[in-house]
Amino acid sequence: MATETLELQPVESNRDIENKYRDELLTFFSSGIFLFDTKIGDNQHTNPIKLQNALVDYYSNDKLKKMTKRLFDAVNSYHKAEFDHQINTSTDKKVSHVDNSQPYQSYTEQLQFMNYTVTKNLRDDFIYGIMLSLLMQELFNTPKQVENQIISEAVNKINDRIEIISSDQVIKITQGLTIVKCKALGLNQYKWQTMEDDRVRPTHEANNQKVFDWDNPPEKTGHPGTEINCRCKPVIIVDRTMASLLDLM
């Protein structure tokens, strides 16, 4: 006799949340542009070492941590509202206790650290790219307008990366929160669902409609959303018999 199951749609990344995430990052990086327009040095060129120190001081780790915490909290709040509503509606049970569990707290700390690390790497690459270019230009006594162009190109480059990172990080945080909440509720399996279009990766297409365990992700791909810009989703499987034993239904 086949096991009776219920399938729940996972919380998907939300474009409004991605836009807020992107806007927060853009505001953070653009807020320090005034440093490039301030004469730091005694000649017509910006003093590279003093500028580097000013950038490192302005884009401090403390500011990064506070900003990434706001970003994470925004995604977490969205996920909680969507996930809890679906579980409560489908199973007629409350899941608020999950947020206070030790596994949930530990995993969300890991997600926050991951989010901070990505943004820190973005900050470091931003400063390094500008300083390397400016130091090279300093050696050749390049005109001021070329320095301005270098800085402008660095800002444009970081903006392009922010567009990609914003979507990818919201997806990864959302998927991560789904994983930890499902495991805390004893919902240990999911069905891989692709977008079923011509943009699907061959390795992801091979996983489509197959059932996987949260503790045993597909070797080549990881869980849906692991690889950058993955649009696949894990459809949550609820075994009605197990759910009844766990007091979920």
Protein backbone atom coordinates (compact mmCIF):
# COMPACT_ATOMS: atom_id res chain seq x y z
CA MET A 1 0.00 0.00 0.00
CA ALA A 2 1.46 3.37 -1.01
CA THR A 3 2.24 5.87 1.70
CA GLU A 4 -0.15 8.79 1.67
CA THR A 5 1.76 12.04 1.38
CA LEU A 6 1.09 15.74 1.20
CA GLU A 7 3.26 18.07 -0.87
CA LEU A 8 3.88 21.62 0.31
CA GLN A 9 5.34 24.33 -1.87
CA PRO A 10 8.52 25.84 -0.41
CA VAL A 11 8.95 29.52 0.27
CA GLU A 12 10.39 31.03 -2.89
CA SER A 13 12.61 34.05 -3.23
CA ASN A 14 10.59 37.24 -3.51
CA ARG A 15 11.51 39.97 -5.99
CA ASP A 16 10.58 42.74 -3.56
CA ILE A 17 12.91 41.25 -0.94
CA GLU A 18 15.68 40.89 -3.52
CA ASN A 19 15.24 44.53 -4.50
CA LYS A 20 15.43 45.66 -0.87
CA TYR A 21 18.54 43.54 -0.40
CA ARG A 22 20.11 45.04 -3.53
CA ASP A 23 19.18 48.61 -2.59
CA GLU A 24 20.69 48.19 0.87
CA LEU A 25 23.99 47.00 -0.62
CA LEU A 26 24.02 49.75 -3.24
CA THR A 27 23.36 52.37 -0.57
CA PHE A 28 26.11 50.95 1.63
CA PHE A 29 28.78 51.06 -1.07
CA SER A 30 27.69 54.31 -2.68
CA SER A 31 27.63 56.08 0.69
CA GLY A 32 31.43 56.11 0.76
CA ILE A 33 31.90 57.66 -2.68
CA PHE A 34 32.52 61.04 -1.04
CA LEU A 35 35.92 59.69 0.02
CA PHE A 36 37.01 59.66 -3.63
CA ASP A 37 36.11 63.32 -4.02
CA THR A 38 37.98 64.40 -0.91
CA LYS A 39 41.59 65.43 -1.39
CA ILE A 40 43.57 62.91 0.61
CA GLY A 41 47.18 63.95 0.08
CA ASP A 42 49.29 66.95 -0.81
CA ASN A 43 49.18 66.88 -4.60
CA GLN A 44 46.69 66.69 -7.44
CA HIS A 45 46.42 62.93 -7.07
CA THR A 46 44.62 61.04 -4.36
CA ASN A 47 47.12 59.51 -1.98
CA PRO A 48 46.51 55.74 -2.47
CA ILE A 49 47.63 54.62 0.98
CA LYS A 50 45.60 57.26 2.81
CA LEU A 51 42.61 56.49 0.60
CA GLN A 52 42.92 52.78 1.35
CA ASN A 53 43.01 53.46 5.09
CA ALA A 54 39.99 55.74 4.78
CA LEU A 55 38.05 53.11 2.82
CA VAL A 56 38.89 50.31 5.26
CA ASP A 57 37.86 52.55 8.15
CA TYR A 58 34.64 53.68 6.49
CA TYR A 59 33.56 50.22 5.27
CA SER A 60 34.37 48.67 8.64
CA ASN A 61 33.59 45.12 9.71
CA ASP A 62 31.25 46.50 12.36
CA LYS A 63 29.21 48.34 9.73
CA LEU A 64 29.22 45.24 7.54
CA LYS A 65 27.92 43.06 10.35
CA LYS A 66 25.11 45.46 11.20
CA MET A 67 24.08 45.79 7.56
CA THR A 68 24.14 42.06 6.82
CA LYS A 69 22.15 41.44 10.01
CA ARG A 70 19.46 43.80 8.69
CA LEU A 71 19.51 42.01 5.35
CA PHE A 72 19.20 38.60 6.98
CA ASP A 73 16.41 39.73 9.31
CA ALA A 74 14.40 41.04 6.35
CA VAL A 75 14.63 37.70 4.52
CA ASN A 76 13.99 35.75 7.73
CA SER A 77 10.87 37.78 8.53
CA TYR A 78 9.50 37.18 5.02
CA HIS A 79 10.28 33.46 5.20
CA LYS A 80 8.70 33.04 8.62
CA ALA A 81 5.45 34.65 7.53
CA GLU A 82 5.21 32.52 4.37
CA PHE A 83 6.43 29.20 5.78
CA ASP A 84 4.51 29.31 9.05
CA HIS A 85 1.32 30.32 7.25
CA GLN A 86 1.52 27.36 4.87
CA ILE A 87 2.36 24.85 7.60
CA ASN A 88 -0.31 26.19 9.94
CA THR A 89 -2.92 26.27 7.17
CA SER A 90 -2.07 22.82 5.78
CA THR A 91 -1.58 21.01 9.06
CA ASP A 92 -3.67 23.09 11.45
CA LYS A 93 -0.70 23.17 13.88
CA LYS A 94 1.59 25.92 15.10
CA VAL A 95 5.32 25.83 14.41
CA SER A 96 6.50 28.91 16.28
CA HIS A 97 8.42 26.75 18.78
CA VAL A 98 10.88 25.81 16.03
CA ASP A 99 12.42 29.29 16.07
CA ASN A 100 13.50 28.80 19.68
CA SER A 101 15.15 25.41 19.16
CA GLN A 102 18.93 25.07 19.42
CA PRO A 103 19.38 23.53 15.94
CA TYR A 104 17.44 26.41 14.40
CA GLN A 105 19.45 29.02 16.29
CA SER A 106 22.76 27.39 15.33
CA TYR A 107 21.85 27.03 11.67
CA THR A 108 20.59 30.59 11.33
CA GLU A 109 23.86 31.81 12.84
CA GLN A 110 25.67 29.91 10.08
CA LEU A 111 23.43 31.49 7.45
CA GLN A 112 24.12 34.94 8.86
CA PHE A 113 27.86 34.30 8.86
CA MET A 114 27.68 33.09 5.25
CA ASN A 115 25.82 36.26 4.30
CA TYR A 116 28.38 38.41 6.12
CA THR A 117 31.29 36.59 4.46
CA VAL A 118 29.89 37.15 0.96
CA THR A 119 29.46 40.87 1.63
CA LYS A 120 32.89 41.14 3.26
CA ASN A 121 34.49 39.55 0.19
CA LEU A 122 32.59 42.02 -1.96
CA ARG A 123 33.92 44.91 0.16
CA ASP A 124 37.49 43.59 0.08
CA ASP A 125 37.45 43.08 -3.69
CA PHE A 126 36.03 46.57 -4.12
CA ILE A 127 38.83 48.21 -2.15
CA TYR A 128 41.55 45.98 -3.59
CA GLY A 129 40.47 46.63 -7.17
CA ILE A 130 40.51 50.39 -6.70
CA MET A 131 43.82 50.45 -4.85
CA LEU A 132 45.64 48.18 -7.28
CA SER A 133 44.58 50.32 -10.23
CA LEU A 134 45.39 53.60 -8.48
CA LEU A 135 48.80 52.41 -7.37
CA MET A 136 49.62 51.42 -10.95
CA GLN A 137 48.44 54.80 -12.16
CA GLU A 138 50.52 56.53 -9.47
CA LEU A 139 53.65 54.90 -10.83
CA PHE A 140 53.00 56.41 -14.25
CA ASN A 141 51.79 59.79 -12.98
CA THR A 142 48.47 59.39 -14.75
CA PRO A 143 46.15 62.43 -15.10
CA LYS A 144 43.38 62.93 -12.56
CA GLN A 145 40.61 62.18 -15.05
CA VAL A 146 42.02 58.68 -15.55
CA GLU A 147 41.88 58.12 -11.79
CA ASN A 148 38.24 59.19 -11.85
CA GLN A 149 37.57 56.73 -14.65
CA ILE A 150 39.22 53.92 -12.67
CA ILE A 151 37.07 54.68 -9.65
CA SER A 152 33.93 54.90 -11.80
CA GLU A 153 34.69 51.53 -13.41
CA ALA A 154 35.26 49.95 -9.98
CA VAL A 155 31.91 51.28 -8.76
CA ASN A 156 30.14 50.01 -11.88
CA LYS A 157 31.76 46.60 -11.46
CA ILE A 158 30.65 46.31 -7.85
CA ASN A 159 27.12 47.36 -8.84
CA ASP A 160 27.00 44.54 -11.42
CA ARG A 161 28.10 42.04 -8.81
CA ILE A 162 25.52 43.32 -6.35
CA GLU A 163 22.77 42.57 -8.90
CA ILE A 164 23.87 38.92 -8.99
CA ILE A 165 24.65 38.56 -5.30
CA SER A 166 21.33 40.04 -4.16
CA SER A 167 19.25 37.43 -5.93
CA ASP A 168 21.59 34.57 -5.11
CA GLN A 169 21.87 35.36 -1.40
CA VAL A 170 18.12 35.79 -0.90
CA ILE A 171 17.59 32.41 -2.58
CA LYS A 172 20.26 30.73 -0.45
CA ILE A 173 18.99 32.21 2.83
CA THR A 174 15.40 31.32 1.95
CA GLN A 175 16.35 27.74 1.05
CA GLY A 176 18.50 27.43 4.15
CA LEU A 177 15.65 28.52 6.41
CA THR A 178 13.35 26.04 4.70
CA ILE A 179 15.84 23.22 5.30
CA VAL A 180 16.32 23.88 9.00
CA LYS A 181 12.59 24.33 9.67
CA CYS A 182 11.67 21.18 7.76
CA LYS A 183 14.26 19.13 9.63
CA ALA A 184 13.10 20.54 12.96
CA LEU A 185 9.55 19.45 12.09
CA GLY A 186 10.64 15.98 10.95
CA LEU A 187 9.92 16.76 7.27
CA ASN A 188 13.07 15.09 6.00
CA GLN A 189 12.39 14.69 2.29
CA TYR A 190 11.63 16.85 -0.72
CA LYS A 191 10.95 16.42 -4.42
CA TRP A 192 13.23 18.32 -6.82
CA GLN A 193 11.25 20.63 -9.10
CA THR A 194 12.89 22.48 -11.99
CA MET A 195 11.38 25.31 -14.00
CA GLU A 196 11.20 22.80 -16.88
CA ASP A 197 12.39 25.26 -19.50
CA ASP A 198 15.42 25.50 -21.80
CA ARG A 199 17.48 27.31 -19.16
CA VAL A 200 17.59 24.35 -16.78
CA ARG A 201 21.06 22.88 -16.26
CA PRO A 202 21.41 19.24 -17.47
CA THR A 203 22.47 18.12 -13.98
CA HIS A 204 19.38 19.74 -12.49
CA GLU A 205 17.11 18.30 -15.17
CA ALA A 206 18.41 14.86 -14.16
CA ASN A 207 17.18 15.54 -10.60
CA ASN A 208 13.72 16.71 -11.66
CA GLN A 209 10.82 15.00 -9.83
CA LYS A 210 13.21 12.81 -7.83
CA VAL A 211 12.96 12.57 -4.04
CA PHE A 212 15.95 13.47 -1.87
CA ASP A 213 16.72 13.69 1.84
CA TRP A 214 17.81 16.96 3.42
CA ASP A 215 20.68 15.08 5.06
CA ASN A 216 21.80 13.52 1.78
CA PRO A 217 21.87 16.15 -1.01
CA PRO A 218 22.51 15.16 -4.64
CA GLU A 219 26.27 14.80 -5.05
CA LYS A 220 26.67 16.79 -8.28
CA THR A 221 24.37 19.70 -7.48
CA GLY A 222 23.68 19.99 -3.78
CA HIS A 223 20.14 20.95 -2.78
CA PRO A 224 18.08 23.26 -5.03
CA GLY A 225 19.41 26.80 -4.80
CA THR A 226 22.94 25.72 -3.84
CA GLU A 227 24.51 26.57 -7.19
CA ILE A 228 24.53 30.23 -8.18
CA ASN A 229 21.32 31.47 -9.84
CA CYS A 230 19.63 28.09 -9.48
CA ARG A 231 15.87 28.49 -9.98
CA CYS A 232 14.89 24.98 -8.90
CA LYS A 233 12.88 24.42 -5.75
CA PRO A 234 12.37 21.62 -3.21
CA VAL A 235 8.73 20.58 -2.92
CA ILE A 236 8.33 19.51 0.71
CA ILE A 237 6.99 15.99 1.28
CA VAL A 238 4.82 15.35 4.32
CA ASP A 239 4.20 11.72 5.16
CA ARG A 240 0.70 11.85 6.62
CA THR A 241 1.33 8.89 8.92
CA MET A 242 4.58 10.36 10.23
CA ALA A 243 3.05 13.82 10.42
CA SER A 244 0.27 12.46 12.57
CA LEU A 245 2.80 10.84 14.92
CA LEU A 246 4.70 14.13 15.09
CA ASP A 247 1.42 15.95 15.83
CA LEU A 248 1.68 18.01 12.65
CA MET A 249 -1.71 17.10 11.26
